[in-house]
Amino acid sequence: MSRTHLSVVLVGTFFGFTLGMIGFGDFGELNAMFTFQDTRMLLAFAGGVAVAAAGFFVLDRRRPVRTRIHKGVVPGAVLFGVGWAISGGCPAIPLVQLGAGYLPALVTLTGMAVGMSVYRRVNARYWHIDAGNCSL
């Protein structure tokens, strides 16, 4: 294992442990956030976005590249949010849940894999949505 891989494993483990300890892997906590019963996690997300935005601003002082939003962004965002609200996890959280021994996270991970596979096939056959600089 290279130093880079080891660094990624260590940072990922620390990140997953931190997410688990503050409740980001708990369905009840996520449900409370999505139903606005508890804004603690919502504010944590907002703070994370603010810190990331500031970091990008400081690190990248070049002129921002303007790209148009393609027709798949809005439906994709809606599906992502609905899936997150139903399953209690964005793409990283089921891994945190699985690490904490929450086996129903396997259903979420399976659903994500099936959804990506179905999207690839349907998009290639019917929609032809260009992913831009993102790979599918």
C-alpha atoms as a PDB file:
ATOM      1  CA  MET A   1       0.000   0.000   0.000  1.00  0.00           C
ATOM      2  CA  SER A   2       1.424   3.368  -1.029  1.00  0.00           C
ATOM      3  CA  ARG A   3       1.655   6.395   1.254  1.00  0.00           C
ATOM      4  CA  THR A   4      -1.181   8.036  -0.674  1.00  0.00           C
ATOM      5  CA  HIS A   5      -3.459   5.042  -0.173  1.00  0.00           C
ATOM      6  CA  LEU A   6      -2.574   4.869   3.493  1.00  0.00           C
ATOM      7  CA  SER A   7      -3.288   8.586   3.887  1.00  0.00           C
ATOM      8  CA  VAL A   8      -6.680   8.197   2.191  1.00  0.00           C
ATOM      9  CA  VAL A   9      -7.549   5.216   4.394  1.00  0.00           C
ATOM     10  CA  LEU A  10      -6.572   7.072   7.563  1.00  0.00           C
ATOM     11  CA  VAL A  11      -8.402  10.280   6.638  1.00  0.00           C
ATOM     12  CA  GLY A  12     -11.448   8.299   5.479  1.00  0.00           C
ATOM     13  CA  THR A  13     -11.511   6.285   8.696  1.00  0.00           C
ATOM     14  CA  PHE A  14     -11.246   9.447  10.794  1.00  0.00           C
ATOM     15  CA  PHE A  15     -13.942  11.133   8.684  1.00  0.00           C
ATOM     16  CA  GLY A  16     -16.270   8.123   8.973  1.00  0.00           C
ATOM     17  CA  PHE A  17     -15.701   7.846  12.724  1.00  0.00           C
ATOM     18  CA  THR A  18     -16.413  11.569  13.133  1.00  0.00           C
ATOM     19  CA  LEU A  19     -19.590  11.362  11.035  1.00  0.00           C
ATOM     20  CA  GLY A  20     -20.761   8.397  13.067  1.00  0.00           C
ATOM     21  CA  MET A  21     -20.047  10.047  16.406  1.00  0.00           C
ATOM     22  CA  ILE A  22     -21.918  13.268  15.602  1.00  0.00           C
ATOM     23  CA  GLY A  23     -25.003  11.441  14.373  1.00  0.00           C
ATOM     24  CA  PHE A  24     -24.713  11.801  10.598  1.00  0.00           C
ATOM     25  CA  GLY A  25     -25.130   8.043  10.239  1.00  0.00           C
ATOM     26  CA  ASP A  26     -28.284   7.874  12.335  1.00  0.00           C
ATOM     27  CA  PHE A  27     -31.558   7.733  10.393  1.00  0.00           C
ATOM     28  CA  GLY A  28     -33.449   9.454  13.223  1.00  0.00           C
ATOM     29  CA  GLU A  29     -31.044  12.394  13.185  1.00  0.00           C
ATOM     30  CA  LEU A  30     -31.252  12.718   9.410  1.00  0.00           C
ATOM     31  CA  ASN A  31     -35.039  12.460   9.518  1.00  0.00           C
ATOM     32  CA  ALA A  32     -35.145  15.239  12.126  1.00  0.00           C
ATOM     33  CA  MET A  33     -33.009  17.385   9.831  1.00  0.00           C
ATOM     34  CA  PHE A  34     -35.151  16.789   6.737  1.00  0.00           C
ATOM     35  CA  THR A  35     -38.366  17.478   8.644  1.00  0.00           C
ATOM     36  CA  PHE A  36     -36.863  20.595  10.260  1.00  0.00           C
ATOM     37  CA  GLN A  37     -37.428  19.209  13.768  1.00  0.00           C
ATOM     38  CA  ASP A  38     -33.749  19.751  14.585  1.00  0.00           C
ATOM     39  CA  THR A  39     -31.645  22.225  12.628  1.00  0.00           C
ATOM     40  CA  ARG A  40     -28.324  21.242  14.225  1.00  0.00           C
ATOM     41  CA  MET A  41     -27.273  19.000  11.340  1.00  0.00           C
ATOM     42  CA  LEU A  42     -28.637  21.419   8.757  1.00  0.00           C
ATOM     43  CA  LEU A  43     -26.478  24.155  10.254  1.00  0.00           C
ATOM     44  CA  ALA A  44     -23.517  21.769  10.281  1.00  0.00           C
ATOM     45  CA  PHE A  45     -24.024  21.160   6.555  1.00  0.00           C
ATOM     46  CA  ALA A  46     -24.324  24.901   5.915  1.00  0.00           C
ATOM     47  CA  GLY A  47     -21.119  25.472   7.873  1.00  0.00           C
ATOM     48  CA  GLY A  48     -19.355  22.765   5.889  1.00  0.00           C
ATOM     49  CA  VAL A  49     -20.472  24.320   2.611  1.00  0.00           C
ATOM     50  CA  ALA A  50     -19.290  27.753   3.790  1.00  0.00           C
ATOM     51  CA  VAL A  51     -15.867  26.399   4.790  1.00  0.00           C
ATOM     52  CA  ALA A  52     -15.522  24.510   1.495  1.00  0.00           C
ATOM     53  CA  ALA A  53     -16.579  27.579  -0.511  1.00  0.00           C
ATOM     54  CA  ALA A  54     -14.051  29.731   1.330  1.00  0.00           C
ATOM     55  CA  GLY A  55     -11.372  27.118   0.730  1.00  0.00           C
ATOM     56  CA  PHE A  56     -12.121  26.959  -2.987  1.00  0.00           C
ATOM     57  CA  PHE A  57     -12.095  30.751  -3.150  1.00  0.00           C
ATOM     58  CA  VAL A  58      -8.706  30.978  -1.454  1.00  0.00           C
ATOM     59  CA  LEU A  59      -7.126  28.105  -3.380  1.00  0.00           C
ATOM     60  CA  ASP A  60      -8.500  29.014  -6.791  1.00  0.00           C
ATOM     61  CA  ARG A  61      -8.216  32.702  -7.569  1.00  0.00           C
ATOM     62  CA  ARG A  62      -8.541  32.102 -11.297  1.00  0.00           C
ATOM     63  CA  ARG A  63     -11.574  33.398 -13.094  1.00  0.00           C
ATOM     64  CA  PRO A  64     -14.419  30.946 -12.459  1.00  0.00           C
ATOM     65  CA  VAL A  65     -15.428  28.841 -15.431  1.00  0.00           C
ATOM     66  CA  ARG A  66     -19.078  29.306 -16.248  1.00  0.00           C
ATOM     67  CA  THR A  67     -20.795  26.159 -17.379  1.00  0.00           C
ATOM     68  CA  ARG A  68     -24.418  25.778 -18.193  1.00  0.00           C
ATOM     69  CA  ILE A  69     -26.498  23.415 -16.169  1.00  0.00           C
ATOM     70  CA  HIS A  70     -27.583  20.512 -18.332  1.00  0.00           C
ATOM     71  CA  LYS A  71     -31.055  19.012 -18.249  1.00  0.00           C
ATOM     72  CA  GLY A  72     -30.078  16.189 -15.904  1.00  0.00           C
ATOM     73  CA  VAL A  73     -28.956  18.323 -12.944  1.00  0.00           C
ATOM     74  CA  VAL A  74     -32.349  19.227 -11.486  1.00  0.00           C
ATOM     75  CA  PRO A  75     -33.960  15.762 -11.772  1.00  0.00           C
ATOM     76  CA  GLY A  76     -30.731  14.233 -10.472  1.00  0.00           C
ATOM     77  CA  ALA A  77     -30.674  16.574  -7.490  1.00  0.00           C
ATOM     78  CA  VAL A  78     -34.310  15.803  -6.701  1.00  0.00           C
ATOM     79  CA  LEU A  79     -33.702  12.041  -6.914  1.00  0.00           C
ATOM     80  CA  PHE A  80     -30.592  12.380  -4.765  1.00  0.00           C
ATOM     81  CA  GLY A  81     -32.513  14.296  -2.091  1.00  0.00           C
ATOM     82  CA  VAL A  82     -35.483  11.928  -2.122  1.00  0.00           C
ATOM     83  CA  GLY A  83     -33.208   8.902  -1.926  1.00  0.00           C
ATOM     84  CA  TRP A  84     -31.278  10.484   0.919  1.00  0.00           C
ATOM     85  CA  ALA A  85     -34.455  11.270   2.849  1.00  0.00           C
ATOM     86  CA  ILE A  86     -35.851   7.754   2.348  1.00  0.00           C
ATOM     87  CA  SER A  87     -32.681   5.800   3.064  1.00  0.00           C
ATOM     88  CA  GLY A  88     -31.111   8.059   5.652  1.00  0.00           C
ATOM     89  CA  GLY A  89     -27.861   8.323   3.780  1.00  0.00           C
ATOM     90  CA  CYS A  90     -26.074  10.129   1.007  1.00  0.00           C
ATOM     91  CA  PRO A  91     -23.413   8.067  -0.798  1.00  0.00           C
ATOM     92  CA  ALA A  92     -20.930   8.123   2.116  1.00  0.00           C
ATOM     93  CA  ILE A  93     -23.306   7.608   5.031  1.00  0.00           C
ATOM     94  CA  PRO A  94     -24.299   3.965   4.267  1.00  0.00           C
ATOM     95  CA  LEU A  95     -20.605   3.108   4.503  1.00  0.00           C
ATOM     96  CA  VAL A  96     -20.473   4.793   7.922  1.00  0.00           C
ATOM     97  CA  GLN A  97     -23.661   2.937   8.917  1.00  0.00           C
ATOM     98  CA  LEU A  98     -22.215  -0.351   7.711  1.00  0.00           C
ATOM     99  CA  GLY A  99     -19.022   0.275   9.676  1.00  0.00           C
ATOM    100  CA  ALA A 100     -21.183   0.843  12.763  1.00  0.00           C
ATOM    101  CA  GLY A 101     -22.865  -2.517  12.209  1.00  0.00           C
ATOM    102  CA  TYR A 102     -26.140  -1.205  10.752  1.00  0.00           C
ATOM    103  CA  LEU A 103     -26.772  -3.951   8.188  1.00  0.00           C
ATOM    104  CA  PRO A 104     -29.820  -2.319   6.501  1.00  0.00           C
ATOM    105  CA  ALA A 105     -27.245   0.022   4.949  1.00  0.00           C
ATOM    106  CA  LEU A 106     -26.575  -2.851   2.532  1.00  0.00           C
ATOM    107  CA  VAL A 107     -30.037  -2.198   1.064  1.00  0.00           C
ATOM    108  CA  THR A 108     -29.112   1.446   0.490  1.00  0.00           C
ATOM    109  CA  LEU A 109     -25.785   0.527  -1.121  1.00  0.00           C
ATOM    110  CA  THR A 110     -27.523  -2.051  -3.333  1.00  0.00           C
ATOM    111  CA  GLY A 111     -30.139   0.532  -4.330  1.00  0.00           C
ATOM    112  CA  MET A 112     -27.418   3.013  -5.228  1.00  0.00           C
ATOM    113  CA  ALA A 113     -25.606   0.448  -7.396  1.00  0.00           C
ATOM    114  CA  VAL A 114     -28.827  -0.613  -9.137  1.00  0.00           C
ATOM    115  CA  GLY A 115     -29.869   3.017  -9.662  1.00  0.00           C
ATOM    116  CA  MET A 116     -26.533   3.924 -11.258  1.00  0.00           C
ATOM    117  CA  SER A 117     -26.673   0.889 -13.520  1.00  0.00           C
ATOM    118  CA  VAL A 118     -30.257   1.599 -14.602  1.00  0.00           C
ATOM    119  CA  TYR A 119     -29.413   5.260 -15.211  1.00  0.00           C
ATOM    120  CA  ARG A 120     -26.450   4.368 -17.425  1.00  0.00           C
ATOM    121  CA  ARG A 121     -28.571   2.054 -19.550  1.00  0.00           C
ATOM    122  CA  VAL A 122     -31.593   4.363 -19.790  1.00  0.00           C
ATOM    123  CA  ASN A 123     -29.444   7.406 -20.504  1.00  0.00           C
ATOM    124  CA  ALA A 124     -27.474   5.613 -23.211  1.00  0.00           C
ATOM    125  CA  ARG A 125     -30.626   4.346 -24.884  1.00  0.00           C
ATOM    126  CA  TYR A 126     -33.176   7.163 -24.466  1.00  0.00           C
ATOM    127  CA  TRP A 127     -32.029  10.407 -22.852  1.00  0.00           C
ATOM    128  CA  HIS A 128     -28.441  10.971 -24.061  1.00  0.00           C
ATOM    129  CA  ILE A 129     -27.722  13.500 -21.300  1.00  0.00           C
ATOM    130  CA  ASP A 130     -24.170  14.729 -21.620  1.00  0.00           C
ATOM    131  CA  ALA A 131     -22.429  14.459 -18.264  1.00  0.00           C
ATOM    132  CA  GLY A 132     -20.110  17.326 -19.153  1.00  0.00           C
ATOM    133  CA  ASN A 133     -16.794  16.855 -17.437  1.00  0.00           C
ATOM    134  CA  CYS A 134     -18.237  14.278 -15.033  1.00  0.00           C
ATOM    135  CA  SER A 135     -17.795  10.640 -15.936  1.00  0.00           C
ATOM    136  CA  LEU A 136     -20.647   8.176 -15.595  1.00  0.00           C
END
